[in-house]
Amino acid sequence: MAVSSFLRAAGAVCSLLVLATGCTSAPDYTPKPKGYNRIDLPAHAYQSLGAGHPYTFEYSRYAKILRDSSYLAQPHWINVYYPKLQANVQITYSDLKGQPKLFNRMLEDARKLTSKHEIKATAIDESVMKTPNGMRVAVFELQGEVPSQFQFYTTDSTRHFFRGALYFRTATANDSLAPVIEYVKQDVVRLLNTLKYQ
């Protein structure tokens, strides 16, 4: 009887030793590098905007033209919407009708709409681009967790005021969206380089 009690006690001690050594060893864990969702972007391809607006341009074949449905929308405000990317380039257009006061108001509005993002922007880079049609375009690239990463406007100061802003309908962080932002920016540059007034 004493031998069986001894064997049971020895087995219990061995089990405890195995458990104790198993608990004290370092875990076999390797941290994983930060990853991003894989985004497959198609090759750039373009089509012309149909008639019915006082302007025309080329836009992506992977985008749809939608009327702006906001209550403030004017007749020639549209959205260049990318369904698969959840990206939207909002386009607004105003006929200045040779009115300097209207021109000044539109210019001030364009600046205000960009500066609204200063709270979240880590930087706002402003540049001027000249298109093959001789237009000068003010371009604003916004960095940080901002809702609009790219904005622009162009005007002849007497008749046409054309403004746009890129937005994404997703909560994904902008660093994860970086390839998509660059992709759509290339399309916007094509849009601006082919912009003509009717």
C-alpha atoms as a PDB file:
ATOM      1  CA  MET A   1       0.000   0.000   0.000  1.00  0.00           C
ATOM      2  CA  ALA A   2       2.859   2.340   0.865  1.00  0.00           C
ATOM      3  CA  VAL A   3       4.478   1.760  -2.535  1.00  0.00           C
ATOM      4  CA  SER A   4       1.300   2.648  -4.459  1.00  0.00           C
ATOM      5  CA  SER A   5       0.867   5.831  -2.374  1.00  0.00           C
ATOM      6  CA  PHE A   6       4.466   6.687  -3.083  1.00  0.00           C
ATOM      7  CA  LEU A   7       3.959   6.157  -6.839  1.00  0.00           C
ATOM      8  CA  ARG A   8       0.835   8.314  -6.837  1.00  0.00           C
ATOM      9  CA  ALA A   9       2.642  11.068  -4.986  1.00  0.00           C
ATOM     10  CA  ALA A  10       5.624  10.831  -7.341  1.00  0.00           C
ATOM     11  CA  GLY A  11       3.286  11.015 -10.370  1.00  0.00           C
ATOM     12  CA  ALA A  12       1.596  14.107  -8.954  1.00  0.00           C
ATOM     13  CA  VAL A  13       4.987  15.760  -8.345  1.00  0.00           C
ATOM     14  CA  CYS A  14       6.096  14.949 -11.925  1.00  0.00           C
ATOM     15  CA  SER A  15       2.873  16.383 -13.311  1.00  0.00           C
ATOM     16  CA  LEU A  16       3.383  19.556 -11.292  1.00  0.00           C
ATOM     17  CA  LEU A  17       6.982  19.828 -12.522  1.00  0.00           C
ATOM     18  CA  VAL A  18       5.878  19.435 -16.159  1.00  0.00           C
ATOM     19  CA  LEU A  19       3.213  22.084 -15.691  1.00  0.00           C
ATOM     20  CA  ALA A  20       5.606  24.443 -13.923  1.00  0.00           C
ATOM     21  CA  THR A  21       8.287  24.176 -16.616  1.00  0.00           C
ATOM     22  CA  GLY A  22       5.655  24.582 -19.345  1.00  0.00           C
ATOM     23  CA  CYS A  23       4.402  27.793 -17.747  1.00  0.00           C
ATOM     24  CA  THR A  24       7.813  29.392 -17.326  1.00  0.00           C
ATOM     25  CA  SER A  25       9.113  28.976 -20.864  1.00  0.00           C
ATOM     26  CA  ALA A  26       8.930  32.007 -23.188  1.00  0.00           C
ATOM     27  CA  PRO A  27       6.008  31.944 -25.605  1.00  0.00           C
ATOM     28  CA  ASP A  28       6.766  31.106 -29.197  1.00  0.00           C
ATOM     29  CA  TYR A  29       5.397  34.390 -30.649  1.00  0.00           C
ATOM     30  CA  THR A  30       6.630  36.451 -33.580  1.00  0.00           C
ATOM     31  CA  PRO A  31       5.024  39.874 -34.130  1.00  0.00           C
ATOM     32  CA  LYS A  32       3.542  40.349 -37.583  1.00  0.00           C
ATOM     33  CA  PRO A  33       4.395  43.433 -39.641  1.00  0.00           C
ATOM     34  CA  LYS A  34       1.631  45.992 -40.198  1.00  0.00           C
ATOM     35  CA  GLY A  35      -0.385  44.969 -43.235  1.00  0.00           C
ATOM     36  CA  TYR A  36      -2.743  46.660 -45.663  1.00  0.00           C
ATOM     37  CA  ASN A  37      -5.649  45.376 -47.685  1.00  0.00           C
ATOM     38  CA  ARG A  38      -4.693  44.302 -51.173  1.00  0.00           C
ATOM     39  CA  ILE A  39      -6.196  46.667 -53.720  1.00  0.00           C
ATOM     40  CA  ASP A  40      -6.115  45.664 -57.382  1.00  0.00           C
ATOM     41  CA  LEU A  41      -6.365  48.757 -59.567  1.00  0.00           C
ATOM     42  CA  PRO A  42      -7.196  48.489 -63.268  1.00  0.00           C
ATOM     43  CA  ALA A  43      -5.127  50.139 -65.996  1.00  0.00           C
ATOM     44  CA  HIS A  44      -6.219  53.720 -66.656  1.00  0.00           C
ATOM     45  CA  ALA A  45      -8.764  54.061 -69.484  1.00  0.00           C
ATOM     46  CA  TYR A  46     -10.858  57.110 -70.378  1.00  0.00           C
ATOM     47  CA  GLN A  47     -14.052  58.250 -72.046  1.00  0.00           C
ATOM     48  CA  SER A  48     -15.517  61.661 -72.893  1.00  0.00           C
ATOM     49  CA  LEU A  49     -18.223  63.360 -70.891  1.00  0.00           C
ATOM     50  CA  GLY A  50     -21.476  63.514 -72.849  1.00  0.00           C
ATOM     51  CA  ALA A  51     -23.238  66.686 -73.954  1.00  0.00           C
ATOM     52  CA  GLY A  52     -25.506  68.726 -71.715  1.00  0.00           C
ATOM     53  CA  HIS A  53     -22.952  70.670 -69.682  1.00  0.00           C
ATOM     54  CA  PRO A  54     -21.072  73.910 -70.423  1.00  0.00           C
ATOM     55  CA  TYR A  55     -17.832  71.935 -70.099  1.00  0.00           C
ATOM     56  CA  THR A  56     -16.398  68.661 -71.314  1.00  0.00           C
ATOM     57  CA  PHE A  57     -13.517  66.453 -70.167  1.00  0.00           C
ATOM     58  CA  GLU A  58     -12.265  62.874 -70.190  1.00  0.00           C
ATOM     59  CA  TYR A  59     -12.919  60.708 -67.155  1.00  0.00           C
ATOM     60  CA  SER A  60     -12.250  57.109 -66.112  1.00  0.00           C
ATOM     61  CA  ARG A  61     -14.129  54.256 -67.791  1.00  0.00           C
ATOM     62  CA  TYR A  62     -14.502  52.771 -64.305  1.00  0.00           C
ATOM     63  CA  ALA A  63     -16.440  55.789 -63.035  1.00  0.00           C
ATOM     64  CA  LYS A  64     -20.055  56.890 -63.420  1.00  0.00           C
ATOM     65  CA  ILE A  65     -21.349  60.426 -63.824  1.00  0.00           C
ATOM     66  CA  LEU A  66     -24.067  61.171 -61.255  1.00  0.00           C
ATOM     67  CA  ARG A  67     -26.041  64.358 -60.752  1.00  0.00           C
ATOM     68  CA  ASP A  68     -25.319  66.117 -57.463  1.00  0.00           C
ATOM     69  CA  SER A  69     -28.457  65.482 -55.413  1.00  0.00           C
ATOM     70  CA  SER A  70     -27.723  67.864 -52.513  1.00  0.00           C
ATOM     71  CA  TYR A  71     -30.244  70.625 -51.841  1.00  0.00           C
ATOM     72  CA  LEU A  72     -27.581  73.254 -52.689  1.00  0.00           C
ATOM     73  CA  ALA A  73     -26.783  71.709 -56.080  1.00  0.00           C
ATOM     74  CA  GLN A  74     -26.857  73.822 -59.189  1.00  0.00           C
ATOM     75  CA  PRO A  75     -27.671  72.419 -62.650  1.00  0.00           C
ATOM     76  CA  HIS A  76     -24.103  71.518 -63.712  1.00  0.00           C
ATOM     77  CA  TRP A  77     -22.838  70.073 -60.437  1.00  0.00           C
ATOM     78  CA  ILE A  78     -21.927  66.413 -60.893  1.00  0.00           C
ATOM     79  CA  ASN A  79     -20.101  63.541 -59.209  1.00  0.00           C
ATOM     80  CA  VAL A  80     -17.510  61.375 -60.934  1.00  0.00           C
ATOM     81  CA  TYR A  81     -18.173  58.265 -58.858  1.00  0.00           C
ATOM     82  CA  TYR A  82     -15.986  55.119 -58.718  1.00  0.00           C
ATOM     83  CA  PRO A  83     -18.298  52.343 -57.422  1.00  0.00           C
ATOM     84  CA  LYS A  84     -15.589  49.733 -56.806  1.00  0.00           C
ATOM     85  CA  LEU A  85     -13.237  52.175 -55.067  1.00  0.00           C
ATOM     86  CA  GLN A  86     -15.949  54.048 -53.141  1.00  0.00           C
ATOM     87  CA  ALA A  87     -14.305  57.263 -54.418  1.00  0.00           C
ATOM     88  CA  ASN A  88     -16.098  60.372 -55.527  1.00  0.00           C
ATOM     89  CA  VAL A  89     -14.843  63.498 -57.299  1.00  0.00           C
ATOM     90  CA  GLN A  90     -17.400  66.235 -56.660  1.00  0.00           C
ATOM     91  CA  ILE A  91     -17.493  68.800 -59.459  1.00  0.00           C
ATOM     92  CA  THR A  92     -19.128  72.206 -59.096  1.00  0.00           C
ATOM     93  CA  TYR A  93     -19.463  74.755 -61.879  1.00  0.00           C
ATOM     94  CA  SER A  94     -20.664  78.355 -61.879  1.00  0.00           C
ATOM     95  CA  ASP A  95     -21.229  80.757 -64.746  1.00  0.00           C
ATOM     96  CA  LEU A  96     -19.711  84.011 -63.470  1.00  0.00           C
ATOM     97  CA  LYS A  97     -21.639  86.116 -66.021  1.00  0.00           C
ATOM     98  CA  GLY A  98     -18.891  88.722 -66.016  1.00  0.00           C
ATOM     99  CA  GLN A  99     -19.659  89.700 -62.405  1.00  0.00           C
ATOM    100  CA  PRO A 100     -16.497  90.473 -60.373  1.00  0.00           C
ATOM    101  CA  LYS A 101     -18.397  90.135 -57.055  1.00  0.00           C
ATOM    102  CA  LEU A 102     -19.522  86.602 -57.960  1.00  0.00           C
ATOM    103  CA  PHE A 103     -15.959  85.719 -59.002  1.00  0.00           C
ATOM    104  CA  ASN A 104     -14.593  86.981 -55.651  1.00  0.00           C
ATOM    105  CA  ARG A 105     -17.257  85.044 -53.732  1.00  0.00           C
ATOM    106  CA  MET A 106     -16.508  81.799 -55.610  1.00  0.00           C
ATOM    107  CA  LEU A 107     -12.775  82.250 -55.015  1.00  0.00           C
ATOM    108  CA  GLU A 108     -13.357  82.840 -51.300  1.00  0.00           C
ATOM    109  CA  ASP A 109     -15.664  79.800 -51.080  1.00  0.00           C
ATOM    110  CA  ALA A 110     -13.054  77.573 -52.759  1.00  0.00           C
ATOM    111  CA  ARG A 111     -10.405  78.690 -50.260  1.00  0.00           C
ATOM    112  CA  LYS A 112     -12.781  78.252 -47.295  1.00  0.00           C
ATOM    113  CA  LEU A 113     -13.743  74.725 -48.357  1.00  0.00           C
ATOM    114  CA  THR A 114     -10.065  73.745 -48.459  1.00  0.00           C
ATOM    115  CA  SER A 115      -9.157  75.472 -45.196  1.00  0.00           C
ATOM    116  CA  LYS A 116     -11.991  73.629 -43.368  1.00  0.00           C
ATOM    117  CA  HIS A 117      -9.694  70.593 -43.408  1.00  0.00           C
ATOM    118  CA  GLU A 118      -6.834  72.367 -41.583  1.00  0.00           C
ATOM    119  CA  ILE A 119      -8.025  70.928 -38.256  1.00  0.00           C
ATOM    120  CA  LYS A 120      -7.179  67.354 -39.299  1.00  0.00           C
ATOM    121  CA  ALA A 121      -4.618  68.004 -42.037  1.00  0.00           C
ATOM    122  CA  THR A 122      -0.944  67.521 -41.231  1.00  0.00           C
ATOM    123  CA  ALA A 123      -0.074  69.524 -44.355  1.00  0.00           C
ATOM    124  CA  ILE A 124      -1.768  71.275 -47.268  1.00  0.00           C
ATOM    125  CA  ASP A 125       0.431  71.580 -50.348  1.00  0.00           C
ATOM    126  CA  GLU A 126      -0.723  74.181 -52.857  1.00  0.00           C
ATOM    127  CA  SER A 127       0.552  74.320 -56.409  1.00  0.00           C
ATOM    128  CA  VAL A 128      -0.462  75.716 -59.787  1.00  0.00           C
ATOM    129  CA  MET A 129      -0.724  73.456 -62.814  1.00  0.00           C
ATOM    130  CA  LYS A 130      -0.939  74.652 -66.417  1.00  0.00           C
ATOM    131  CA  THR A 131      -3.008  72.495 -68.766  1.00  0.00           C
ATOM    132  CA  PRO A 132      -2.377  71.900 -72.492  1.00  0.00           C
ATOM    133  CA  ASN A 133      -5.423  74.150 -73.156  1.00  0.00           C
ATOM    134  CA  GLY A 134      -3.674  77.047 -71.403  1.00  0.00           C
ATOM    135  CA  MET A 135      -5.760  76.930 -68.199  1.00  0.00           C
ATOM    136  CA  ARG A 136      -4.150  77.527 -64.834  1.00  0.00           C
ATOM    137  CA  VAL A 137      -5.417  75.207 -62.105  1.00  0.00           C
ATOM    138  CA  ALA A 138      -4.892  75.730 -58.361  1.00  0.00           C
ATOM    139  CA  VAL A 139      -4.286  72.292 -56.826  1.00  0.00           C
ATOM    140  CA  PHE A 140      -4.398  71.462 -53.106  1.00  0.00           C
ATOM    141  CA  GLU A 141      -3.030  68.149 -51.798  1.00  0.00           C
ATOM    142  CA  LEU A 142      -4.060  67.453 -48.205  1.00  0.00           C
ATOM    143  CA  GLN A 143      -2.204  65.045 -45.950  1.00  0.00           C
ATOM    144  CA  GLY A 144      -3.392  63.367 -42.757  1.00  0.00           C
ATOM    145  CA  GLU A 145      -6.723  61.832 -41.807  1.00  0.00           C
ATOM    146  CA  VAL A 146      -8.810  64.290 -43.829  1.00  0.00           C
ATOM    147  CA  PRO A 147     -12.071  63.526 -45.663  1.00  0.00           C
ATOM    148  CA  SER A 148     -10.805  65.158 -48.875  1.00  0.00           C
ATOM    149  CA  GLN A 149      -7.243  64.458 -49.990  1.00  0.00           C
ATOM    150  CA  PHE A 150      -7.171  66.396 -53.271  1.00  0.00           C
ATOM    151  CA  GLN A 151      -8.955  69.592 -54.325  1.00  0.00           C
ATOM    152  CA  PHE A 152      -8.662  71.993 -57.237  1.00  0.00           C
ATOM    153  CA  TYR A 153     -10.252  74.912 -59.031  1.00  0.00           C
ATOM    154  CA  THR A 154      -9.772  76.723 -62.302  1.00  0.00           C
ATOM    155  CA  THR A 155     -11.344  79.926 -63.569  1.00  0.00           C
ATOM    156  CA  ASP A 156     -11.015  82.494 -66.328  1.00  0.00           C
ATOM    157  CA  SER A 157     -12.283  85.107 -63.780  1.00  0.00           C
ATOM    158  CA  THR A 158     -15.074  86.369 -66.069  1.00  0.00           C
ATOM    159  CA  ARG A 159     -17.271  83.445 -67.110  1.00  0.00           C
ATOM    160  CA  HIS A 160     -16.276  80.006 -65.822  1.00  0.00           C
ATOM    161  CA  PHE A 161     -15.512  78.741 -62.306  1.00  0.00           C
ATOM    162  CA  PHE A 162     -14.841  74.982 -62.150  1.00  0.00           C
ATOM    163  CA  ARG A 163     -14.029  73.330 -58.810  1.00  0.00           C
ATOM    164  CA  GLY A 164     -13.542  69.743 -57.645  1.00  0.00           C
ATOM    165  CA  ALA A 165     -12.741  67.691 -54.549  1.00  0.00           C
ATOM    166  CA  LEU A 166     -11.929  64.018 -54.047  1.00  0.00           C
ATOM    167  CA  TYR A 167     -13.763  62.147 -51.270  1.00  0.00           C
ATOM    168  CA  PHE A 168     -13.950  58.510 -50.207  1.00  0.00           C
ATOM    169  CA  ARG A 169     -17.125  56.875 -48.871  1.00  0.00           C
ATOM    170  CA  THR A 170     -15.218  54.629 -46.502  1.00  0.00           C
ATOM    171  CA  ALA A 171     -13.838  54.715 -42.966  1.00  0.00           C
ATOM    172  CA  THR A 172     -10.517  53.187 -44.086  1.00  0.00           C
ATOM    173  CA  ALA A 173      -7.473  55.176 -42.946  1.00  0.00           C
ATOM    174  CA  ASN A 174      -5.818  57.369 -45.582  1.00  0.00           C
ATOM    175  CA  ASP A 175      -2.463  55.580 -45.329  1.00  0.00           C
ATOM    176  CA  SER A 176      -4.238  52.368 -46.384  1.00  0.00           C
ATOM    177  CA  LEU A 177      -5.951  54.268 -49.210  1.00  0.00           C
ATOM    178  CA  ALA A 178      -2.703  55.817 -50.506  1.00  0.00           C
ATOM    179  CA  PRO A 179      -2.529  53.687 -53.713  1.00  0.00           C
ATOM    180  CA  VAL A 180      -6.184  54.442 -54.515  1.00  0.00           C
ATOM    181  CA  ILE A 181      -5.727  58.165 -53.820  1.00  0.00           C
ATOM    182  CA  GLU A 182      -2.762  58.270 -56.219  1.00  0.00           C
ATOM    183  CA  TYR A 183      -4.722  56.301 -58.821  1.00  0.00           C
ATOM    184  CA  VAL A 184      -7.715  58.681 -58.732  1.00  0.00           C
ATOM    185  CA  LYS A 185      -5.406  61.734 -58.673  1.00  0.00           C
ATOM    186  CA  GLN A 186      -3.954  60.575 -62.007  1.00  0.00           C
ATOM    187  CA  ASP A 187      -7.492  60.427 -63.392  1.00  0.00           C
ATOM    188  CA  VAL A 188      -8.215  63.935 -62.062  1.00  0.00           C
ATOM    189  CA  VAL A 189      -5.081  65.278 -63.744  1.00  0.00           C
ATOM    190  CA  ARG A 190      -6.313  63.706 -67.005  1.00  0.00           C
ATOM    191  CA  LEU A 191      -9.729  65.313 -66.423  1.00  0.00           C
ATOM    192  CA  LEU A 192      -8.102  68.733 -65.954  1.00  0.00           C
ATOM    193  CA  ASN A 193      -5.754  68.329 -68.912  1.00  0.00           C
ATOM    194  CA  THR A 194      -8.725  67.584 -71.196  1.00  0.00           C
ATOM    195  CA  LEU A 195     -11.126  70.164 -69.701  1.00  0.00           C
ATOM    196  CA  LYS A 196     -12.716  72.477 -72.273  1.00  0.00           C
ATOM    197  CA  TYR A 197     -15.610  74.891 -72.016  1.00  0.00           C
ATOM    198  CA  GLN A 198     -18.457  74.682 -74.540  1.00  0.00           C
END
